[in-house]
Amino acid sequence: MKITFPKMAFAALLSMLGAAHADVVTDWNDKANEIVAKVGPGAAGHRLMAVVQGAVLDAVNGSGPRAPVEAAVAAANRATLSALVPAEKAAVEAAYQRAVEAVPEGEAKARAIAAGERAAAQWLARLAADGANAPDRYHWNASPGRYVPTVTPAAANWPHRKPWVMDKASQFRPAPPPELGSETWARDLQEVRTYGEKGSKLRTPQQTEIARFWEETRPLVYFPLLRSVAALPGRTVAQNARLYAASALASDDALIAVFDAKYHYQFWRPITAARSSHAAGGTTVEGDPGWTPLIPTPMHPEYPCAHCVIAGAVGAVIEAELRGAKSPLLRTSSPTAPGVVREWKSAAEMVEEVKTARIHDGVHYRNSTQVGAEMGAAVGRLVQQRLAAAASL
C-alpha cells in the first residue's frame, strides 16, 4: 500500500514514525542510518551498519546491571560512526554529548560508556580484518549467458570477505541459474523484456512507481521497517538491540553470500540478454539492440538478486522476532520515490513486492528474485538463531 504526502507533511510523518515509542537503540539507529547513507550507494553501507549495530548489541549486553544503557549505546555509536564516517564526526559528537548529558554522573555512567567504547573497538577491529579491501580477482569474458560489465564491477572482492555470522561466503551458494535452452529461461527473459523495458506499454503506472521506489538499495530503506516491531508493547532495549543487530548482520552476510554466487556464476544481465540473439526454450530469440531497462543496471552479475537477498534476510529477522504473532504494519520510504511511504501487513508481503519490482526495473529475472529471497531468508534465520543463543558475537 502507498501513502503519499505533501513535502512538509511527509517530513513530519517520518519524524513521528521515528519518535513514536522509540527507545535509545531506535533513536540512534535513525541517526546512524542517516549518517551512513552519506557514504554513497552500493554494499558499503550495509557493511558499516553491521559494525554499528553489532557494537550496540554488545554494549547493551556488556554494560552490566543497573548501568545506564543510554550511555553505553551512545558511546558505541559515537566510537563506530566517528571512525567509519569521519566527515560526520562533528554531528556524531554533538548527538553523543546531548545523549550523555541527560545521564547522571557517576561510576555507573562511566562503566556504561566504557562498555560501549570497548564493544566499538572490538567490532572496528573485526571490520579491519574482514578482507573487504583486498584486491579483487574477477575476470570476465563475453559469451552467451555470461555477464558483460556495463561499468566497473562493484563488490568483486566481497566473496572473499570474512562473514560476521556465516561460516563461509559460499555457505548458501545456490544451484546454477537456468540453462539458456530451458523453458524457465525463455519465460523469465520474455517477462523482463516485456515489463522491464524503459518504455514498456504493459507495465502499469503503479508498477512503475513501485519499481522506482525499490531502486534504492541502501540500509536507509530497510531499517525503518523495524520501527513498528521495536515499538511493540513489552519489548526491552536488549531485545531491540538484538533486532537491529540481527537485521544489520543478516543483511551484510547475505550480501557476502550473494556476491559469492554472482561472481561464481557470472550470469548476464537483462540489458545484455535482451539485446543478444541466442537460443532460449528451444527457439531462437532475436536480440533488440535498442532495449533499455527502466533503471540503470547495477554494477555486478545478475544471479541471484541482491536486493531480494536483503529483503529476504530482513523479512526473516522480523518474522523470527514476532514469534508467530500478527505483524504490525511495516512502513518505509525511499529517496527514489520522494514523498511516498509504502506499508505492508507482513514481511512476506514486502519481500514479494521487492522481487517483482526488480523485474519491472529491468535488472533481474523471476527465478533470480526467488532464489535471492530464499538465500536471504536462510541467512536471516541463521543470524537470528546465533544471536538468540549468544550474549554477543
Protein backbone atom coordinates (compact mmCIF):
# COMPACT_ATOMS: atom_id res chain seq x y z
CA MET A 1 0.00 0.00 0.00
CA LYS A 2 1.18 3.51 -0.81
CA ILE A 3 0.62 6.70 1.16
CA THR A 4 1.57 10.00 -0.49
CA PHE A 5 2.17 13.20 1.49
CA PRO A 6 2.99 16.81 0.68
CA LYS A 7 6.64 17.60 1.36
CA MET A 8 6.22 19.22 4.80
CA ALA A 9 3.67 16.65 5.97
CA PHE A 10 5.95 13.86 4.77
CA ALA A 11 8.88 15.17 6.79
CA ALA A 12 6.67 15.45 9.85
CA LEU A 13 5.42 11.91 9.37
CA LEU A 14 8.93 10.49 9.14
CA SER A 15 9.84 12.30 12.33
CA MET A 16 6.76 10.90 14.02
CA LEU A 17 7.44 7.36 12.81
CA GLY A 18 10.96 7.54 14.18
CA ALA A 19 9.95 9.05 17.50
CA ALA A 20 6.74 7.20 18.41
CA HIS A 21 7.51 4.75 21.21
CA ALA A 22 11.19 4.99 20.27
CA ASP A 23 13.89 3.67 22.57
CA VAL A 24 17.56 4.61 22.68
CA VAL A 25 18.51 1.85 20.21
CA THR A 26 15.94 3.00 17.66
CA ASP A 27 16.83 6.68 18.17
CA TRP A 28 20.49 6.02 17.47
CA ASN A 29 19.72 3.70 14.57
CA ASP A 30 17.86 6.58 12.93
CA LYS A 31 20.91 8.81 13.36
CA ALA A 32 23.35 6.14 12.19
CA ASN A 33 21.21 5.27 9.18
CA GLU A 34 21.19 8.90 8.07
CA ILE A 35 24.95 9.29 8.56
CA VAL A 36 25.97 6.02 6.87
CA ALA A 37 23.75 6.81 3.87
CA LYS A 38 26.22 9.58 3.04
CA VAL A 39 28.96 7.08 2.15
CA GLY A 40 27.13 6.56 -1.15
CA PRO A 41 25.34 3.74 -2.98
CA GLY A 42 26.23 0.08 -3.08
CA ALA A 43 27.01 -2.57 -0.49
CA ALA A 44 29.37 -0.50 1.67
CA GLY A 45 26.62 0.96 3.86
CA HIS A 46 25.38 -2.47 4.91
CA ARG A 47 28.91 -3.42 5.97
CA LEU A 48 29.22 -0.29 8.11
CA MET A 49 25.80 -0.66 9.72
CA ALA A 50 26.70 -4.22 10.71
CA VAL A 51 29.57 -2.79 12.74
CA VAL A 52 27.43 -0.08 14.34
CA GLN A 53 24.56 -2.36 15.34
CA GLY A 54 26.85 -5.21 16.37
CA ALA A 55 28.67 -2.84 18.71
CA VAL A 56 25.38 -1.55 20.11
CA LEU A 57 24.23 -5.09 20.88
CA ASP A 58 27.47 -5.91 22.69
CA ALA A 59 27.38 -2.57 24.52
CA VAL A 60 23.88 -3.28 25.82
CA ASN A 61 24.76 -6.84 26.82
CA GLY A 62 28.08 -5.83 28.35
CA SER A 63 27.14 -2.72 30.32
CA GLY A 64 26.22 -4.67 33.45
CA PRO A 65 23.28 -4.48 35.86
CA ARG A 66 21.94 -1.05 36.79
CA ALA A 67 24.25 0.66 34.30
CA PRO A 68 22.56 3.41 32.25
CA VAL A 69 22.17 1.68 28.90
CA GLU A 70 21.61 5.05 27.20
CA ALA A 71 25.25 5.94 27.83
CA ALA A 72 26.51 2.57 26.57
CA VAL A 73 24.52 2.83 23.33
CA ALA A 74 25.60 6.43 22.77
CA ALA A 75 29.26 5.54 23.32
CA ALA A 76 29.11 2.59 20.91
CA ASN A 77 27.54 4.74 18.21
CA ARG A 78 29.94 7.60 18.76
CA ALA A 79 33.05 5.42 18.51
CA THR A 80 31.91 3.44 15.47
CA LEU A 81 30.36 6.28 13.47
CA SER A 82 33.26 8.67 14.07
CA ALA A 83 35.67 6.04 12.77
CA LEU A 84 33.52 4.88 9.85
CA VAL A 85 32.29 8.25 8.58
CA PRO A 86 34.91 10.77 9.78
CA ALA A 87 33.35 13.59 7.76
CA GLU A 88 30.35 13.42 10.10
CA LYS A 89 32.39 13.36 13.32
CA ALA A 90 31.14 16.77 14.50
CA ALA A 91 27.50 15.77 14.09
CA VAL A 92 28.13 12.47 15.85
CA GLU A 93 29.90 14.20 18.72
CA ALA A 94 27.06 16.68 19.16
CA ALA A 95 24.48 13.88 19.31
CA TYR A 96 26.65 11.97 21.77
CA GLN A 97 27.05 14.95 24.09
CA ARG A 98 23.29 15.56 24.13
CA ALA A 99 22.69 11.92 24.99
CA VAL A 100 25.21 11.56 27.82
CA GLU A 101 24.39 14.93 29.40
CA ALA A 102 20.98 13.50 30.25
CA VAL A 103 22.58 10.64 32.21
CA PRO A 104 23.53 11.33 35.86
CA GLU A 105 27.26 11.39 36.55
CA GLY A 106 28.78 8.54 38.50
CA GLU A 107 30.52 5.20 38.37
CA ALA A 108 27.61 3.51 36.59
CA LYS A 109 27.71 6.06 33.77
CA ALA A 110 31.47 5.66 33.37
CA ARG A 111 31.09 1.89 33.30
CA ALA A 112 28.40 2.09 30.62
CA ILE A 113 30.48 4.41 28.43
CA ALA A 114 33.47 2.11 28.78
CA ALA A 115 31.33 -0.86 27.73
CA GLY A 116 30.19 0.99 24.62
CA GLU A 117 33.70 2.04 23.67
CA ARG A 118 35.04 -1.46 24.28
CA ALA A 119 32.36 -3.02 22.09
CA ALA A 120 33.03 -0.49 19.33
CA ALA A 121 36.76 -1.18 19.38
CA GLN A 122 36.16 -4.91 19.03
CA TRP A 123 33.82 -4.51 16.06
CA LEU A 124 36.07 -2.00 14.33
CA ALA A 125 38.94 -4.47 14.68
CA ARG A 126 36.83 -7.19 13.08
CA LEU A 127 35.96 -4.82 10.25
CA ALA A 128 39.62 -4.04 9.58
CA ALA A 129 40.36 -7.75 9.22
CA ASP A 130 37.37 -8.79 7.11
CA GLY A 131 39.19 -8.68 3.75
CA ALA A 132 36.96 -6.14 2.02
CA ASN A 133 39.93 -4.09 0.88
CA ALA A 134 41.89 -6.98 -0.63
CA PRO A 135 42.49 -6.86 -4.40
CA ASP A 136 39.65 -8.45 -6.36
CA ARG A 137 40.30 -11.49 -8.54
CA TYR A 138 37.47 -11.02 -11.02
CA HIS A 139 37.94 -11.67 -14.74
CA TRP A 140 35.19 -11.73 -17.35
CA ASN A 141 34.68 -12.95 -20.88
CA ALA A 142 31.91 -12.28 -23.39
CA SER A 143 29.88 -15.36 -24.36
CA PRO A 144 26.15 -16.22 -24.31
CA GLY A 145 24.90 -16.27 -20.73
CA ARG A 146 27.99 -14.60 -19.28
CA TYR A 147 27.93 -11.27 -17.52
CA VAL A 148 29.33 -8.37 -19.52
CA PRO A 149 30.13 -5.38 -17.27
CA THR A 150 28.40 -2.16 -18.26
CA VAL A 151 30.65 -0.22 -15.84
CA THR A 152 33.48 -1.19 -13.47
CA PRO A 153 32.11 -4.17 -11.48
CA ALA A 154 31.26 -3.47 -7.84
CA ALA A 155 31.98 -5.62 -4.77
CA ALA A 156 34.03 -8.12 -6.78
CA ASN A 157 36.10 -8.81 -3.65
CA TRP A 158 33.03 -9.33 -1.42
CA PRO A 159 33.11 -13.13 -1.94
CA HIS A 160 36.49 -13.14 -0.18
CA ARG A 161 35.29 -11.24 2.89
CA LYS A 162 35.09 -12.95 6.27
CA PRO A 163 31.40 -13.16 7.22
CA TRP A 164 30.13 -11.93 10.58
CA VAL A 165 28.00 -14.99 11.34
CA MET A 166 28.09 -17.39 8.39
CA ASP A 167 30.86 -19.98 8.37
CA LYS A 168 31.97 -19.03 4.85
CA ALA A 169 30.84 -16.94 1.90
CA SER A 170 29.69 -19.97 -0.11
CA GLN A 171 27.63 -21.47 2.73
CA PHE A 172 24.34 -20.71 0.97
CA ARG A 173 25.53 -20.79 -2.64
CA PRO A 174 22.52 -21.87 -4.75
CA ALA A 175 22.27 -24.15 -7.77
CA PRO A 176 23.22 -22.59 -11.12
CA PRO A 177 20.88 -20.24 -12.99
CA PRO A 178 18.59 -21.75 -15.64
CA GLU A 179 20.13 -23.11 -18.82
CA LEU A 180 19.62 -20.82 -21.80
CA GLY A 181 17.71 -23.55 -23.62
CA SER A 182 15.25 -24.10 -20.74
CA GLU A 183 11.60 -23.08 -20.55
CA THR A 184 12.33 -21.22 -17.32
CA TRP A 185 14.89 -19.06 -19.09
CA ALA A 186 12.58 -18.37 -22.03
CA ARG A 187 9.76 -17.39 -19.65
CA ASP A 188 11.93 -15.17 -17.47
CA LEU A 189 13.59 -13.39 -20.37
CA GLN A 190 10.24 -12.67 -22.03
CA GLU A 191 8.85 -11.27 -18.78
CA VAL A 192 11.70 -8.86 -18.14
CA ARG A 193 11.89 -7.81 -21.79
CA THR A 194 8.17 -7.01 -21.70
CA TYR A 195 7.73 -5.43 -18.28
CA GLY A 196 11.24 -4.18 -17.52
CA GLU A 197 11.81 -2.12 -20.64
CA LYS A 198 12.04 1.60 -20.00
CA GLY A 199 9.21 2.39 -22.41
CA SER A 200 7.04 -0.65 -21.62
CA LYS A 201 3.39 -0.21 -22.57
CA LEU A 202 2.29 -3.15 -20.40
CA ARG A 203 3.85 -2.05 -17.11
CA THR A 204 1.22 -0.01 -15.26
CA PRO A 205 1.92 3.41 -13.70
CA GLN A 206 1.60 1.82 -10.24
CA GLN A 207 4.09 -0.90 -11.14
CA THR A 208 6.47 1.74 -12.43
CA GLU A 209 6.15 3.74 -9.22
CA ILE A 210 6.84 0.68 -7.06
CA ALA A 211 9.80 -0.27 -9.25
CA ARG A 212 11.22 3.25 -8.83
CA PHE A 213 10.68 3.04 -5.07
CA TRP A 214 12.84 -0.09 -4.85
CA GLU A 215 15.60 1.36 -6.98
CA GLU A 216 17.04 2.38 -3.59
CA THR A 217 19.12 -0.42 -2.05
CA ARG A 218 20.92 1.21 0.89
CA PRO A 219 20.20 0.38 4.56
CA LEU A 220 18.10 3.53 4.90
CA VAL A 221 15.21 1.85 3.05
CA TYR A 222 15.26 -1.26 5.26
CA PHE A 223 15.84 -0.18 8.87
CA PRO A 224 12.58 1.82 9.13
CA LEU A 225 10.74 -1.48 8.62
CA LEU A 226 11.92 -2.49 12.10
CA ARG A 227 10.48 0.50 13.94
CA SER A 228 6.94 -0.82 14.34
CA VAL A 229 8.33 -4.13 15.63
CA ALA A 230 10.64 -2.34 18.06
CA ALA A 231 7.67 -0.29 19.31
CA LEU A 232 5.51 -3.30 20.20
CA PRO A 233 4.38 -3.30 23.86
CA GLY A 234 6.64 -5.06 26.31
CA ARG A 235 9.82 -5.03 24.24
CA THR A 236 13.06 -4.24 26.06
CA VAL A 237 16.12 -2.28 24.98
CA ALA A 238 18.08 -5.54 24.87
CA GLN A 239 15.51 -7.12 22.55
CA ASN A 240 15.61 -4.14 20.23
CA ALA A 241 19.41 -4.14 20.23
CA ARG A 242 19.20 -7.75 19.05
CA LEU A 243 16.54 -6.86 16.44
CA TYR A 244 18.63 -4.13 14.82
CA ALA A 245 21.86 -6.12 15.07
CA ALA A 246 20.29 -9.22 13.56
CA SER A 247 18.92 -7.22 10.64
CA ALA A 248 22.23 -5.46 10.02
CA LEU A 249 24.38 -8.57 10.31
CA ALA A 250 21.99 -10.68 8.25
CA SER A 251 21.86 -8.05 5.50
CA ASP A 252 25.63 -7.81 5.23
CA ASP A 253 26.27 -11.55 5.47
CA ALA A 254 23.53 -12.07 2.87
CA LEU A 255 25.38 -9.68 0.57
CA ILE A 256 28.60 -11.64 1.06
CA ALA A 257 26.67 -14.79 0.14
CA VAL A 258 25.00 -13.27 -2.90
CA PHE A 259 28.20 -11.76 -4.27
CA ASP A 260 29.87 -15.14 -3.85
CA ALA A 261 27.15 -16.61 -6.06
CA LYS A 262 27.12 -13.68 -8.50
CA TYR A 263 30.83 -13.82 -9.25
CA HIS A 264 30.85 -17.63 -9.22
CA TYR A 265 28.14 -17.95 -11.88
CA GLN A 266 28.65 -14.60 -13.68
CA PHE A 267 25.19 -14.70 -15.25
CA TRP A 268 24.26 -12.00 -17.73
CA ARG A 269 22.00 -9.07 -17.04
CA PRO A 270 18.78 -8.40 -18.99
CA ILE A 271 20.42 -5.45 -20.75
CA THR A 272 22.86 -7.89 -22.39
CA ALA A 273 20.49 -10.84 -22.86
CA ALA A 274 17.66 -8.74 -24.33
CA ARG A 275 20.00 -7.20 -26.88
CA SER A 276 21.56 -10.53 -27.92
CA SER A 277 20.23 -13.16 -30.32
CA HIS A 278 20.52 -16.61 -28.72
CA ALA A 279 18.72 -19.92 -28.17
CA ALA A 280 16.02 -19.86 -25.49
CA GLY A 281 13.50 -22.60 -24.69
CA GLY A 282 14.01 -24.45 -27.95
CA THR A 283 13.71 -21.38 -30.15
CA THR A 284 16.00 -18.56 -31.20
CA VAL A 285 15.42 -15.20 -29.55
CA GLU A 286 16.10 -12.23 -31.77
CA GLY A 287 18.03 -9.56 -29.91
CA ASP A 288 16.78 -5.99 -29.67
CA PRO A 289 19.86 -3.73 -29.77
CA GLY A 290 17.82 -0.77 -28.52
CA TRP A 291 16.33 -2.48 -25.45
CA THR A 292 16.88 -0.37 -22.32
CA PRO A 293 15.86 -1.17 -18.71
CA LEU A 294 13.74 1.15 -16.59
CA ILE A 295 16.66 1.93 -14.25
CA PRO A 296 20.45 1.81 -14.70
CA THR A 297 21.81 -1.73 -14.49
CA PRO A 298 23.60 -2.50 -11.18
CA MET A 299 27.36 -2.92 -11.34
CA HIS A 300 27.65 -6.69 -10.85
CA PRO A 301 26.43 -10.00 -12.31
CA GLU A 302 22.71 -10.79 -12.25
CA TYR A 303 22.25 -14.08 -10.39
CA PRO A 304 20.94 -14.09 -7.71
CA CYS A 305 19.07 -10.83 -6.97
CA ALA A 306 20.95 -8.91 -4.24
CA HIS A 307 18.07 -6.59 -3.34
CA CYS A 308 15.91 -9.70 -2.86
CA VAL A 309 18.61 -11.24 -0.66
CA ILE A 310 18.48 -8.25 1.69
CA ALA A 311 14.67 -8.22 1.69
CA GLY A 312 14.61 -11.93 2.47
CA ALA A 313 17.14 -11.54 5.29
CA VAL A 314 15.33 -8.62 6.92
CA GLY A 315 11.99 -10.34 6.46
CA ALA A 316 13.24 -13.50 8.18
CA VAL A 317 14.56 -11.47 11.13
CA ILE A 318 11.22 -9.69 11.52
CA GLU A 319 9.29 -12.96 11.39
CA ALA A 320 11.60 -14.54 13.97
CA GLU A 321 11.19 -11.58 16.32
CA LEU A 322 7.39 -11.78 16.06
CA ARG A 323 7.42 -15.49 17.01
CA GLY A 324 4.18 -16.21 15.18
CA ALA A 325 2.34 -13.11 16.41
CA LYS A 326 0.48 -10.88 13.98
CA SER A 327 2.79 -8.38 12.34
CA PRO A 328 2.30 -4.66 12.87
CA LEU A 329 2.17 -2.57 9.72
CA LEU A 330 5.67 -2.30 8.29
CA ARG A 331 6.50 1.07 6.73
CA THR A 332 9.39 2.72 4.95
CA SER A 333 10.19 5.49 2.49
CA SER A 334 12.71 5.77 -0.35
CA PRO A 335 14.78 8.63 -1.78
CA THR A 336 13.93 7.31 -5.25
CA ALA A 337 10.20 7.91 -4.62
CA PRO A 338 10.06 11.30 -2.85
CA GLY A 339 7.00 11.93 -0.68
CA VAL A 340 5.87 8.29 -0.66
CA VAL A 341 5.60 5.94 2.31
CA ARG A 342 4.82 2.32 1.49
CA GLU A 343 3.40 -0.14 4.01
CA TRP A 344 2.79 -3.88 4.23
CA LYS A 345 0.81 -6.17 6.51
CA SER A 346 3.64 -8.69 6.73
CA ALA A 347 7.31 -9.18 5.93
CA ALA A 348 6.38 -11.74 3.27
CA GLU A 349 4.26 -9.12 1.50
CA MET A 350 7.21 -6.73 1.46
CA VAL A 351 9.58 -9.38 0.09
CA GLU A 352 7.19 -10.25 -2.74
CA GLU A 353 6.96 -6.59 -3.71
CA VAL A 354 10.74 -6.25 -3.88
CA LYS A 355 11.00 -9.35 -6.07
CA THR A 356 8.51 -8.10 -8.64
CA ALA A 357 9.90 -4.55 -8.53
CA ARG A 358 13.34 -5.71 -9.62
CA ILE A 359 11.83 -7.42 -12.67
CA HIS A 360 9.91 -4.27 -13.52
CA ASP A 361 13.14 -2.31 -13.03
CA GLY A 362 14.52 -4.35 -15.92
CA VAL A 363 17.51 -5.65 -13.99
CA HIS A 364 16.51 -9.17 -12.82
CA TYR A 365 14.74 -12.36 -13.87
CA ARG A 366 11.91 -14.05 -11.94
CA ASN A 367 13.93 -17.14 -10.97
CA SER A 368 16.77 -14.98 -9.69
CA THR A 369 14.46 -12.98 -7.43
CA GLN A 370 13.03 -16.15 -5.91
CA VAL A 371 16.44 -17.70 -5.33
CA GLY A 372 17.75 -14.46 -3.85
CA ALA A 373 14.86 -14.11 -1.41
CA GLU A 374 15.27 -17.72 -0.26
CA MET A 375 19.02 -17.24 0.25
CA GLY A 376 18.43 -14.11 2.29
CA ALA A 377 15.81 -15.81 4.44
CA ALA A 378 18.22 -18.66 5.19
CA VAL A 379 20.91 -16.18 6.26
CA GLY A 380 18.41 -14.21 8.35
CA ARG A 381 17.27 -17.32 10.21
CA LEU A 382 20.87 -18.36 10.88
CA VAL A 383 21.81 -14.96 12.28
CA GLN A 384 18.71 -14.79 14.46
CA GLN A 385 19.42 -18.25 15.87
CA ARG A 386 23.05 -17.43 16.61
CA LEU A 387 22.19 -14.14 18.31
CA ALA A 388 19.48 -15.76 20.39
CA ALA A 389 21.99 -18.36 21.58
CA ALA A 390 24.83 -15.97 22.42
CA ALA A 391 25.21 -12.86 24.54
CA SER A 392 27.44 -11.40 21.85
CA LEU A 393 29.23 -12.28 18.64
